[in-house]
Amino acid sequence: MTCLTLDTPHGPARAELHSAEEGSAALLLGHGAGGGIDAPDLVAVTRAATAAGVHVALIQQPYRVAGRRAPAPAKHLDTAWLAVADALAEHFGDLPLLFGGRSSGARVACRTAADGGAAAVLCLAFPVHPPGKPEKSRMDELNAVKVPLLVVQGRTDAFGQPDPAPHHEVVSVAGDHSLKADTPAVARAVGEWLTRVVRPLN
């Protein structure tokens, strides 16, 4: 494992790199709004991705590096993420980059996929709407993604359930927004998807 500190317009971000034996792509994963890169689903997905031959960079947004729990505004998150992606694109050379994350990090991955040139997007516990407020849907962020996209969602997630669509897959697993209830199922879903999605990129 290697840790990098990367400059962004909103302060330093950190990337924790986990290398696959023979990496055919690189998956950048962001954390949730108040959480960190040690979330159980992110840990499980990191293991599954490296086993599938995909390098992983777990990204800490600048506000978390600075010790704050309250998330930065969306524009700041997106700008910082794109700065990190640019730096890691140089680090990983010609490998395709995949964007992903859990909850807030999944939203960032969707919003920046086009500008960052992501080859695919992985969303863990995508917050379809605030709890109890289905009228405030964020499905437009998912629907804007035009590259292969996987959503892994807990069946009892209070943040809602995304509808499947032609351009994205949805896998439901046991549990709530934390995706802690069945991390092996999360890992399997992501590992199988990565194997299918990455092969055509090479």
Protein backbone atom coordinates (compact mmCIF):
# COMPACT_ATOMS: atom_id res chain seq x y z
CA MET A 1 0.00 0.00 0.00
CA THR A 2 1.18 3.50 -0.90
CA CYS A 3 -0.20 6.83 0.33
CA LEU A 4 -0.02 9.98 -1.77
CA THR A 5 -0.86 13.56 -0.82
CA LEU A 6 -2.31 15.38 -3.81
CA ASP A 7 -2.90 19.10 -4.23
CA THR A 8 -6.38 20.33 -5.12
CA PRO A 9 -7.89 23.84 -5.33
CA HIS A 10 -9.50 23.19 -1.93
CA GLY A 11 -6.51 21.85 -0.03
CA PRO A 12 -4.62 18.58 -0.02
CA ALA A 13 -6.40 15.28 -0.66
CA ARG A 14 -5.00 11.85 0.08
CA ALA A 15 -4.96 8.69 -2.00
CA GLU A 16 -4.34 5.28 -0.47
CA LEU A 17 -3.19 3.02 -3.31
CA HIS A 18 -3.78 -0.73 -3.36
CA SER A 19 -2.11 -2.47 -6.28
CA ALA A 20 -3.30 -5.50 -8.18
CA GLU A 21 -0.68 -7.98 -9.35
CA GLU A 22 -1.30 -7.14 -12.99
CA GLY A 23 -3.52 -4.08 -13.10
CA SER A 24 -5.64 -3.58 -16.20
CA ALA A 25 -7.48 -0.49 -14.90
CA ALA A 26 -7.61 1.79 -11.85
CA LEU A 27 -10.68 2.36 -9.67
CA LEU A 28 -10.87 5.61 -7.72
CA LEU A 29 -13.18 5.30 -4.69
CA GLY A 30 -14.54 8.15 -2.59
CA HIS A 31 -16.00 8.00 0.93
CA GLY A 32 -19.38 9.02 2.29
CA ALA A 33 -20.20 12.48 3.61
CA GLY A 34 -19.23 11.94 7.24
CA GLY A 35 -17.29 8.72 6.89
CA GLY A 36 -13.88 7.61 5.80
CA ILE A 37 -12.13 5.20 3.48
CA ASP A 38 -12.26 2.48 6.14
CA ALA A 39 -16.01 1.90 5.60
CA PRO A 40 -16.71 -1.86 5.43
CA ASP A 41 -18.07 -1.77 1.88
CA LEU A 42 -15.08 0.22 0.60
CA VAL A 43 -12.70 -2.26 2.25
CA ALA A 44 -14.58 -5.21 0.71
CA VAL A 45 -14.66 -3.63 -2.73
CA THR A 46 -10.95 -2.81 -2.58
CA ARG A 47 -10.16 -6.49 -2.00
CA ALA A 48 -12.54 -7.60 -4.74
CA ALA A 49 -11.15 -5.11 -7.25
CA THR A 50 -7.50 -5.97 -6.67
CA ALA A 51 -8.39 -9.67 -6.94
CA ALA A 52 -10.04 -8.87 -10.29
CA GLY A 53 -6.85 -7.19 -11.55
CA VAL A 54 -7.90 -3.59 -10.91
CA HIS A 55 -5.75 -1.15 -8.93
CA VAL A 56 -7.66 0.86 -6.30
CA ALA A 57 -7.11 4.41 -5.04
CA LEU A 58 -9.13 5.22 -1.90
CA ILE A 59 -9.56 8.99 -1.94
CA GLN A 60 -9.89 11.21 1.13
CA GLN A 61 -11.46 14.53 0.24
CA PRO A 62 -9.66 17.68 1.49
CA TYR A 63 -12.27 18.43 4.19
CA ARG A 64 -11.65 15.00 5.73
CA VAL A 65 -7.87 15.38 5.47
CA ALA A 66 -8.30 18.67 7.36
CA GLY A 67 -10.18 16.82 10.12
CA ARG A 68 -13.69 18.11 9.36
CA ARG A 69 -16.72 15.82 9.30
CA ALA A 70 -19.17 18.25 7.71
CA PRO A 71 -18.89 17.83 3.93
CA ALA A 72 -17.72 20.57 1.62
CA PRO A 73 -20.13 22.02 -0.98
CA ALA A 74 -20.76 19.79 -4.00
CA LYS A 75 -18.79 22.04 -6.36
CA HIS A 76 -15.75 21.85 -4.07
CA LEU A 77 -16.04 18.07 -3.83
CA ASP A 78 -16.25 17.73 -7.61
CA THR A 79 -13.36 20.12 -8.30
CA ALA A 80 -11.12 18.39 -5.77
CA TRP A 81 -12.05 14.96 -7.16
CA LEU A 82 -11.18 15.99 -10.73
CA ALA A 83 -7.83 17.38 -9.56
CA VAL A 84 -7.08 14.05 -7.87
CA ALA A 85 -8.20 12.12 -10.95
CA ASP A 86 -5.87 14.19 -13.16
CA ALA A 87 -2.92 13.48 -10.87
CA LEU A 88 -3.70 9.77 -10.66
CA ALA A 89 -4.15 9.52 -14.42
CA GLU A 90 -0.49 10.47 -14.70
CA HIS A 91 0.43 7.98 -11.97
CA PHE A 92 -1.42 5.10 -13.65
CA GLY A 93 -0.27 5.97 -17.16
CA ASP A 94 -2.44 4.60 -19.95
CA LEU A 95 -4.72 2.53 -17.74
CA PRO A 96 -8.45 3.31 -17.96
CA LEU A 97 -9.83 5.09 -14.90
CA LEU A 98 -13.05 4.02 -13.22
CA PHE A 99 -14.78 6.38 -10.79
CA GLY A 100 -16.70 5.21 -7.74
CA GLY A 101 -17.61 5.76 -4.14
CA ARG A 102 -20.19 5.25 -1.42
CA SER A 103 -23.13 7.57 -0.77
CA SER A 104 -21.88 11.16 -1.24
CA GLY A 105 -18.79 9.76 -2.95
CA ALA A 106 -21.02 7.92 -5.43
CA ARG A 107 -22.74 11.20 -6.30
CA VAL A 108 -19.36 12.86 -6.89
CA ALA A 109 -18.32 9.98 -9.16
CA CYS A 110 -21.50 10.36 -11.23
CA ARG A 111 -21.28 14.15 -11.52
CA THR A 112 -17.62 14.10 -12.60
CA ALA A 113 -17.61 11.00 -14.81
CA ALA A 114 -17.92 12.86 -18.11
CA ASP A 115 -15.43 15.64 -17.33
CA GLY A 116 -12.97 13.16 -15.81
CA GLY A 117 -13.13 10.73 -18.69
CA ALA A 118 -14.20 7.79 -16.49
CA ALA A 119 -14.54 4.50 -18.36
CA ALA A 120 -17.16 3.21 -15.89
CA VAL A 121 -18.79 4.24 -12.59
CA LEU A 122 -19.42 2.26 -9.40
CA CYS A 123 -21.99 3.50 -6.88
CA LEU A 124 -22.22 1.96 -3.42
CA ALA A 125 -25.36 2.98 -1.49
CA PHE A 126 -26.32 5.76 -3.90
CA PRO A 127 -28.52 8.23 -1.95
CA VAL A 128 -31.49 8.40 -4.32
CA HIS A 129 -33.23 10.92 -2.07
CA PRO A 130 -32.92 12.21 1.52
CA PRO A 131 -34.65 9.85 3.99
CA GLY A 132 -38.40 10.44 3.97
CA LYS A 133 -38.21 12.89 1.05
CA PRO A 134 -38.70 10.87 -2.15
CA GLU A 135 -39.75 14.04 -3.98
CA LYS A 136 -36.13 15.28 -3.77
CA SER A 137 -34.78 12.71 -6.20
CA ARG A 138 -31.16 12.64 -7.32
CA MET A 139 -31.79 10.12 -10.10
CA ASP A 140 -30.75 12.74 -12.65
CA GLU A 141 -27.14 12.31 -11.45
CA LEU A 142 -27.29 8.57 -12.12
CA ASN A 143 -29.12 8.99 -15.41
CA ALA A 144 -26.53 11.48 -16.68
CA VAL A 145 -23.82 8.80 -16.66
CA LYS A 146 -23.32 7.42 -20.17
CA VAL A 147 -20.65 4.80 -19.41
CA PRO A 148 -21.24 1.39 -17.75
CA LEU A 149 -22.55 1.96 -14.23
CA LEU A 150 -23.24 -0.38 -11.32
CA VAL A 151 -25.26 0.51 -8.22
CA VAL A 152 -25.04 -1.79 -5.19
CA GLN A 153 -27.89 -0.90 -2.83
CA GLY A 154 -29.11 -2.24 0.51
CA ARG A 155 -32.69 -3.47 0.31
CA THR A 156 -33.74 -1.45 3.38
CA ASP A 157 -31.79 1.70 2.50
CA ALA A 158 -33.69 4.72 3.85
CA PHE A 159 -32.16 6.79 1.03
CA GLY A 160 -34.30 4.94 -1.52
CA GLN A 161 -33.94 2.43 -4.33
CA PRO A 162 -32.74 3.34 -7.82
CA ASP A 163 -34.65 2.03 -10.80
CA PRO A 164 -32.71 -0.11 -13.27
CA ALA A 165 -32.14 1.50 -16.66
CA PRO A 166 -30.60 0.43 -19.96
CA HIS A 167 -27.29 2.12 -19.16
CA HIS A 168 -26.89 0.99 -15.57
CA GLU A 169 -27.24 -2.13 -13.43
CA VAL A 170 -28.65 -2.32 -9.92
CA VAL A 171 -27.74 -5.13 -7.50
CA SER A 172 -29.75 -5.33 -4.26
CA VAL A 173 -28.10 -6.85 -1.20
CA ALA A 174 -29.23 -7.41 2.38
CA GLY A 175 -29.02 -4.45 4.74
CA ASP A 176 -29.32 -0.70 4.92
CA HIS A 177 -27.33 2.33 3.75
CA SER A 178 -24.17 1.13 5.49
CA LEU A 179 -23.94 -2.01 3.31
CA LYS A 180 -22.43 -3.77 6.34
CA ALA A 181 -24.92 -6.66 6.50
CA ASP A 182 -23.46 -8.73 3.67
CA THR A 183 -20.10 -7.36 2.53
CA PRO A 184 -19.26 -10.65 0.72
CA ALA A 185 -22.31 -10.08 -1.52
CA VAL A 186 -21.14 -6.52 -2.20
CA ALA A 187 -17.68 -7.81 -3.07
CA ARG A 188 -19.05 -10.52 -5.37
CA ALA A 189 -21.29 -8.11 -7.26
CA VAL A 190 -18.45 -5.65 -7.80
CA GLY A 191 -15.89 -8.32 -8.70
CA GLU A 192 -18.18 -9.86 -11.34
CA TRP A 193 -19.05 -6.46 -12.78
CA LEU A 194 -15.42 -5.33 -12.95
CA THR A 195 -14.45 -8.52 -14.76
CA ARG A 196 -17.13 -7.86 -17.39
CA VAL A 197 -16.54 -4.13 -17.72
CA VAL A 198 -12.74 -3.99 -17.69
CA ARG A 199 -12.07 -6.72 -20.26
CA PRO A 200 -13.43 -4.69 -23.24
CA LEU A 201 -11.32 -1.68 -22.20
CA ASN A 202 -8.02 -3.46 -22.88
